[in-house]
């Protein structure tokens, strides 16, 4: 599933991530910097042999959340284009599960925005990971998500402080907190 608007490309798919495609998407003559992040499956975790990762997601909400994160990044940094791709299903060792590319006129904006986007995706987007080992498997708790929730305590807050601050400056409401209504069935309208 893909969403493209306002120089943002967000895709969640079971297909192998084509890094060159996303690099080409964010490339532009006016962009003097492109920052990227590629998350790949490593072969060990705490001395256990990792065979593969398996990802699941609530795709409509995940896309909305990532688009909201991209909007927040645009409020905080001067960006040209953003591409975010996340893979679902089985991701073998050495393959990419998430790829982010951000272009801007200057490197500081691209680098800071790229880091913000990956941190927010890990902390707020409904994508779940199972690590499959040679001797078992386990659903992984995302430490960024858990830290964010413990930082919030009992506060009625939808997203991170940085994201909420960015959204407040742009007079927008964040979409990816706990109070999101997603209507997948458009046939009832």
C-alpha atoms as a PDB file:
ATOM      1  CA  UNK A   1       0.000   0.000   0.000  1.00  0.00           C
ATOM      2  CA  UNK A   2       1.339   3.413  -0.923  1.00  0.00           C
ATOM      3  CA  UNK A   3       0.559   7.040  -0.242  1.00  0.00           C
ATOM      4  CA  UNK A   4       2.100   9.926  -2.137  1.00  0.00           C
ATOM      5  CA  UNK A   5       1.409  13.606  -1.596  1.00  0.00           C
ATOM      6  CA  UNK A   6       3.232  16.912  -1.269  1.00  0.00           C
ATOM      7  CA  UNK A   7       6.649  15.409  -2.105  1.00  0.00           C
ATOM      8  CA  UNK A   8       6.210  12.602   0.443  1.00  0.00           C
ATOM      9  CA  UNK A   9       6.195   8.955  -0.594  1.00  0.00           C
ATOM     10  CA  UNK A  10       5.111   6.413   2.029  1.00  0.00           C
ATOM     11  CA  UNK A  11       4.940   2.713   1.189  1.00  0.00           C
ATOM     12  CA  UNK A  12       4.308  -0.399   3.241  1.00  0.00           C
ATOM     13  CA  UNK A  13       4.697  -3.625   1.295  1.00  0.00           C
ATOM     14  CA  UNK A  14       5.769  -7.262   1.445  1.00  0.00           C
ATOM     15  CA  UNK A  15       8.104  -6.664  -1.502  1.00  0.00           C
ATOM     16  CA  UNK A  16      11.857  -6.180  -1.244  1.00  0.00           C
ATOM     17  CA  UNK A  17      12.677  -2.497  -0.750  1.00  0.00           C
ATOM     18  CA  UNK A  18      14.166  -0.939  -3.892  1.00  0.00           C
ATOM     19  CA  UNK A  19      16.538   1.603  -2.341  1.00  0.00           C
ATOM     20  CA  UNK A  20      17.465   3.171  -5.698  1.00  0.00           C
ATOM     21  CA  UNK A  21      13.783   3.930  -6.355  1.00  0.00           C
ATOM     22  CA  UNK A  22      13.484   5.966  -3.134  1.00  0.00           C
ATOM     23  CA  UNK A  23      16.821   7.705  -3.715  1.00  0.00           C
ATOM     24  CA  UNK A  24      15.600   8.734  -7.164  1.00  0.00           C
ATOM     25  CA  UNK A  25      12.321   9.960  -5.670  1.00  0.00           C
ATOM     26  CA  UNK A  26      14.027  12.404  -3.286  1.00  0.00           C
ATOM     27  CA  UNK A  27      16.766  13.514  -5.699  1.00  0.00           C
ATOM     28  CA  UNK A  28      16.318  16.990  -7.142  1.00  0.00           C
ATOM     29  CA  UNK A  29      18.583  19.719  -8.532  1.00  0.00           C
ATOM     30  CA  UNK A  30      17.590  22.065  -5.688  1.00  0.00           C
ATOM     31  CA  UNK A  31      18.427  19.469  -3.014  1.00  0.00           C
ATOM     32  CA  UNK A  32      22.042  19.743  -1.900  1.00  0.00           C
ATOM     33  CA  UNK A  33      21.732  16.966   0.665  1.00  0.00           C
ATOM     34  CA  UNK A  34      20.129  13.547   0.920  1.00  0.00           C
ATOM     35  CA  UNK A  35      20.180  11.719   4.252  1.00  0.00           C
ATOM     36  CA  UNK A  36      19.176   8.072   4.469  1.00  0.00           C
ATOM     37  CA  UNK A  37      18.561   5.361   7.012  1.00  0.00           C
ATOM     38  CA  UNK A  38      18.331   1.668   6.198  1.00  0.00           C
ATOM     39  CA  UNK A  39      17.284  -0.767   8.903  1.00  0.00           C
ATOM     40  CA  UNK A  40      18.453  -4.294   8.090  1.00  0.00           C
ATOM     41  CA  UNK A  41      18.041  -7.702   9.695  1.00  0.00           C
ATOM     42  CA  UNK A  42      21.188  -8.603  11.611  1.00  0.00           C
ATOM     43  CA  UNK A  43      22.286 -12.192  12.248  1.00  0.00           C
ATOM     44  CA  UNK A  44      22.447 -12.195  16.062  1.00  0.00           C
ATOM     45  CA  UNK A  45      20.659 -10.740  19.060  1.00  0.00           C
ATOM     46  CA  UNK A  46      22.047 -11.244  22.572  1.00  0.00           C
ATOM     47  CA  UNK A  47      24.099 -14.282  21.441  1.00  0.00           C
ATOM     48  CA  UNK A  48      21.093 -15.875  19.690  1.00  0.00           C
ATOM     49  CA  UNK A  49      21.280 -16.697  15.996  1.00  0.00           C
ATOM     50  CA  UNK A  50      18.620 -14.714  14.138  1.00  0.00           C
ATOM     51  CA  UNK A  51      17.202 -16.433  11.046  1.00  0.00           C
ATOM     52  CA  UNK A  52      14.729 -13.744   9.992  1.00  0.00           C
ATOM     53  CA  UNK A  53      12.366 -11.034  11.158  1.00  0.00           C
ATOM     54  CA  UNK A  54       8.624 -11.080  10.534  1.00  0.00           C
ATOM     55  CA  UNK A  55       6.690  -7.823  10.449  1.00  0.00           C
ATOM     56  CA  UNK A  56       2.967  -7.218  10.756  1.00  0.00           C
ATOM     57  CA  UNK A  57       1.098  -3.920  10.679  1.00  0.00           C
ATOM     58  CA  UNK A  58      -2.262  -2.265  10.764  1.00  0.00           C
ATOM     59  CA  UNK A  59      -1.479  -0.789   7.351  1.00  0.00           C
ATOM     60  CA  UNK A  60      -4.072   2.016   6.994  1.00  0.00           C
ATOM     61  CA  UNK A  61      -3.176   3.436  10.402  1.00  0.00           C
ATOM     62  CA  UNK A  62       0.551   2.893   9.874  1.00  0.00           C
ATOM     63  CA  UNK A  63       0.456   4.888   6.631  1.00  0.00           C
ATOM     64  CA  UNK A  64      -1.501   7.691   8.283  1.00  0.00           C
ATOM     65  CA  UNK A  65       0.971   7.810  11.149  1.00  0.00           C
ATOM     66  CA  UNK A  66       3.999   7.911   8.865  1.00  0.00           C
ATOM     67  CA  UNK A  67       2.404  10.655   6.758  1.00  0.00           C
ATOM     68  CA  UNK A  68       1.784  12.626   9.964  1.00  0.00           C
ATOM     69  CA  UNK A  69       5.416  12.141  10.988  1.00  0.00           C
ATOM     70  CA  UNK A  70       6.517  13.448   7.570  1.00  0.00           C
ATOM     71  CA  UNK A  71       4.279  16.499   8.022  1.00  0.00           C
ATOM     72  CA  UNK A  72       5.808  17.145  11.448  1.00  0.00           C
ATOM     73  CA  UNK A  73       9.303  16.877   9.999  1.00  0.00           C
ATOM     74  CA  UNK A  74       8.402  19.464   7.362  1.00  0.00           C
ATOM     75  CA  UNK A  75       7.271  21.883  10.085  1.00  0.00           C
ATOM     76  CA  UNK A  76      10.576  21.550  11.952  1.00  0.00           C
ATOM     77  CA  UNK A  77      13.048  21.406   9.046  1.00  0.00           C
ATOM     78  CA  UNK A  78      13.303  22.862   5.543  1.00  0.00           C
ATOM     79  CA  UNK A  79      12.866  19.704   3.445  1.00  0.00           C
ATOM     80  CA  UNK A  80      12.385  19.013  -0.233  1.00  0.00           C
ATOM     81  CA  UNK A  81      11.258  15.361  -0.450  1.00  0.00           C
ATOM     82  CA  UNK A  82      10.722  12.461   1.944  1.00  0.00           C
ATOM     83  CA  UNK A  83      10.451   8.755   1.133  1.00  0.00           C
ATOM     84  CA  UNK A  84       9.648   6.111   3.748  1.00  0.00           C
ATOM     85  CA  UNK A  85       9.324   2.424   2.889  1.00  0.00           C
ATOM     86  CA  UNK A  86       8.627  -0.349   5.406  1.00  0.00           C
ATOM     87  CA  UNK A  87       8.567  -4.004   4.562  1.00  0.00           C
ATOM     88  CA  UNK A  88       6.071  -6.476   6.004  1.00  0.00           C
ATOM     89  CA  UNK A  89       6.223 -10.253   6.146  1.00  0.00           C
ATOM     90  CA  UNK A  90       9.496 -12.151   6.306  1.00  0.00           C
ATOM     91  CA  UNK A  91      12.746 -10.174   6.094  1.00  0.00           C
ATOM     92  CA  UNK A  92      15.813 -12.461   5.943  1.00  0.00           C
ATOM     93  CA  UNK A  93      19.198 -11.603   7.460  1.00  0.00           C
ATOM     94  CA  UNK A  94      20.956  -8.863   5.500  1.00  0.00           C
ATOM     95  CA  UNK A  95      17.815  -7.480   3.863  1.00  0.00           C
ATOM     96  CA  UNK A  96      16.265  -4.062   4.483  1.00  0.00           C
ATOM     97  CA  UNK A  97      13.082  -3.761   6.549  1.00  0.00           C
ATOM     98  CA  UNK A  98      12.831   0.040   6.569  1.00  0.00           C
ATOM     99  CA  UNK A  99      14.342   2.710   4.363  1.00  0.00           C
ATOM    100  CA  UNK A 100      14.065   6.460   4.819  1.00  0.00           C
ATOM    101  CA  UNK A 101      15.417   9.106   2.442  1.00  0.00           C
ATOM    102  CA  UNK A 102      15.145  12.839   3.082  1.00  0.00           C
ATOM    103  CA  UNK A 103      16.344  15.605   0.792  1.00  0.00           C
ATOM    104  CA  UNK A 104      16.885  19.261   1.589  1.00  0.00           C
ATOM    105  CA  UNK A 105      18.989  22.214   0.559  1.00  0.00           C
ATOM    106  CA  UNK A 106      21.382  21.729   3.502  1.00  0.00           C
ATOM    107  CA  UNK A 107      22.705  18.595   5.251  1.00  0.00           C
ATOM    108  CA  UNK A 108      21.723  19.556   8.810  1.00  0.00           C
ATOM    109  CA  UNK A 109      18.024  19.628   7.942  1.00  0.00           C
ATOM    110  CA  UNK A 110      18.204  16.317   6.064  1.00  0.00           C
ATOM    111  CA  UNK A 111      20.189  14.546   8.795  1.00  0.00           C
ATOM    112  CA  UNK A 112      18.084  15.798  11.699  1.00  0.00           C
ATOM    113  CA  UNK A 113      14.801  15.083   9.924  1.00  0.00           C
ATOM    114  CA  UNK A 114      15.908  11.574   8.954  1.00  0.00           C
ATOM    115  CA  UNK A 115      16.736  10.764  12.573  1.00  0.00           C
ATOM    116  CA  UNK A 116      13.451  12.275  13.769  1.00  0.00           C
ATOM    117  CA  UNK A 117      11.479  10.199  11.263  1.00  0.00           C
ATOM    118  CA  UNK A 118      13.051   6.849  12.206  1.00  0.00           C
ATOM    119  CA  UNK A 119      12.715   7.612  15.927  1.00  0.00           C
ATOM    120  CA  UNK A 120       9.028   8.526  15.512  1.00  0.00           C
ATOM    121  CA  UNK A 121       8.288   5.512  13.312  1.00  0.00           C
ATOM    122  CA  UNK A 122       9.806   3.194  15.923  1.00  0.00           C
ATOM    123  CA  UNK A 123       7.980   4.931  18.786  1.00  0.00           C
ATOM    124  CA  UNK A 124       4.501   5.530  17.365  1.00  0.00           C
ATOM    125  CA  UNK A 125       3.621   3.518  14.252  1.00  0.00           C
ATOM    126  CA  UNK A 126       1.593   0.282  14.648  1.00  0.00           C
ATOM    127  CA  UNK A 127       4.133  -2.107  13.099  1.00  0.00           C
ATOM    128  CA  UNK A 128       5.132  -5.221  15.063  1.00  0.00           C
ATOM    129  CA  UNK A 129       8.252  -7.362  14.768  1.00  0.00           C
ATOM    130  CA  UNK A 130       8.858 -11.021  15.563  1.00  0.00           C
ATOM    131  CA  UNK A 131      12.459 -12.248  15.760  1.00  0.00           C
ATOM    132  CA  UNK A 132      12.882 -15.837  14.603  1.00  0.00           C
ATOM    133  CA  UNK A 133      15.918 -17.578  16.104  1.00  0.00           C
ATOM    134  CA  UNK A 134      17.499 -20.938  15.390  1.00  0.00           C
ATOM    135  CA  UNK A 135      15.985 -22.138  18.686  1.00  0.00           C
ATOM    136  CA  UNK A 136      12.673 -20.240  18.941  1.00  0.00           C
ATOM    137  CA  UNK A 137      10.962 -16.943  18.244  1.00  0.00           C
ATOM    138  CA  UNK A 138       9.709 -13.924  20.164  1.00  0.00           C
ATOM    139  CA  UNK A 139       7.599 -10.844  19.476  1.00  0.00           C
ATOM    140  CA  UNK A 140       9.845  -7.880  20.182  1.00  0.00           C
ATOM    141  CA  UNK A 141       8.763  -5.003  22.367  1.00  0.00           C
ATOM    142  CA  UNK A 142       9.906  -1.788  20.794  1.00  0.00           C
ATOM    143  CA  UNK A 143      12.022   0.009  23.393  1.00  0.00           C
ATOM    144  CA  UNK A 144      11.297   3.431  21.851  1.00  0.00           C
ATOM    145  CA  UNK A 145       7.561   2.784  22.117  1.00  0.00           C
ATOM    146  CA  UNK A 146       7.833   1.591  25.713  1.00  0.00           C
ATOM    147  CA  UNK A 147      10.041   4.535  26.697  1.00  0.00           C
ATOM    148  CA  UNK A 148       7.613   6.962  25.080  1.00  0.00           C
ATOM    149  CA  UNK A 149       4.664   5.455  26.926  1.00  0.00           C
ATOM    150  CA  UNK A 150       6.464   5.469  30.281  1.00  0.00           C
ATOM    151  CA  UNK A 151       7.550   9.081  29.684  1.00  0.00           C
ATOM    152  CA  UNK A 152       3.922  10.018  29.088  1.00  0.00           C
ATOM    153  CA  UNK A 153       2.722   8.274  32.243  1.00  0.00           C
ATOM    154  CA  UNK A 154      -0.978   8.887  32.674  1.00  0.00           C
ATOM    155  CA  UNK A 155      -1.025  12.015  30.549  1.00  0.00           C
ATOM    156  CA  UNK A 156      -3.600  12.185  27.784  1.00  0.00           C
ATOM    157  CA  UNK A 157      -1.084  12.734  24.987  1.00  0.00           C
ATOM    158  CA  UNK A 158      -1.305  11.351  21.475  1.00  0.00           C
ATOM    159  CA  UNK A 159       2.309  11.506  20.260  1.00  0.00           C
ATOM    160  CA  UNK A 160       5.789  12.511  21.316  1.00  0.00           C
ATOM    161  CA  UNK A 161       6.546  15.936  22.726  1.00  0.00           C
ATOM    162  CA  UNK A 162       8.525  16.935  19.613  1.00  0.00           C
ATOM    163  CA  UNK A 163       5.784  15.775  17.288  1.00  0.00           C
ATOM    164  CA  UNK A 164       3.060  17.426  19.359  1.00  0.00           C
ATOM    165  CA  UNK A 165       5.087  20.652  19.478  1.00  0.00           C
ATOM    166  CA  UNK A 166       5.555  20.592  15.705  1.00  0.00           C
ATOM    167  CA  UNK A 167       1.888  19.943  15.142  1.00  0.00           C
ATOM    168  CA  UNK A 168       0.908  22.746  17.507  1.00  0.00           C
ATOM    169  CA  UNK A 169       3.035  25.207  15.534  1.00  0.00           C
ATOM    170  CA  UNK A 170       1.305  24.151  12.330  1.00  0.00           C
ATOM    171  CA  UNK A 171      -2.182  24.071  13.930  1.00  0.00           C
ATOM    172  CA  UNK A 172      -2.585  20.388  13.001  1.00  0.00           C
ATOM    173  CA  UNK A 173      -3.564  17.461  15.176  1.00  0.00           C
ATOM    174  CA  UNK A 174      -1.358  14.347  15.290  1.00  0.00           C
ATOM    175  CA  UNK A 175      -2.975  11.249  13.862  1.00  0.00           C
ATOM    176  CA  UNK A 176      -1.023   8.409  15.317  1.00  0.00           C
ATOM    177  CA  UNK A 177      -1.822   8.451  19.015  1.00  0.00           C
ATOM    178  CA  UNK A 178      -4.223   6.234  20.851  1.00  0.00           C
ATOM    179  CA  UNK A 179      -7.305   8.220  19.852  1.00  0.00           C
ATOM    180  CA  UNK A 180      -7.320   7.515  16.144  1.00  0.00           C
ATOM    181  CA  UNK A 181     -10.418   6.427  14.288  1.00  0.00           C
ATOM    182  CA  UNK A 182      -9.602   4.616  11.083  1.00  0.00           C
ATOM    183  CA  UNK A 183     -12.467   3.826   8.752  1.00  0.00           C
ATOM    184  CA  UNK A 184     -11.303   1.044   6.434  1.00  0.00           C
ATOM    185  CA  UNK A 185     -14.753   0.240   5.078  1.00  0.00           C
ATOM    186  CA  UNK A 186     -15.562   2.990   2.610  1.00  0.00           C
ATOM    187  CA  UNK A 187     -18.482   0.956   1.216  1.00  0.00           C
ATOM    188  CA  UNK A 188     -20.623   2.017   4.192  1.00  0.00           C
ATOM    189  CA  UNK A 189     -20.363   5.710   3.254  1.00  0.00           C
END
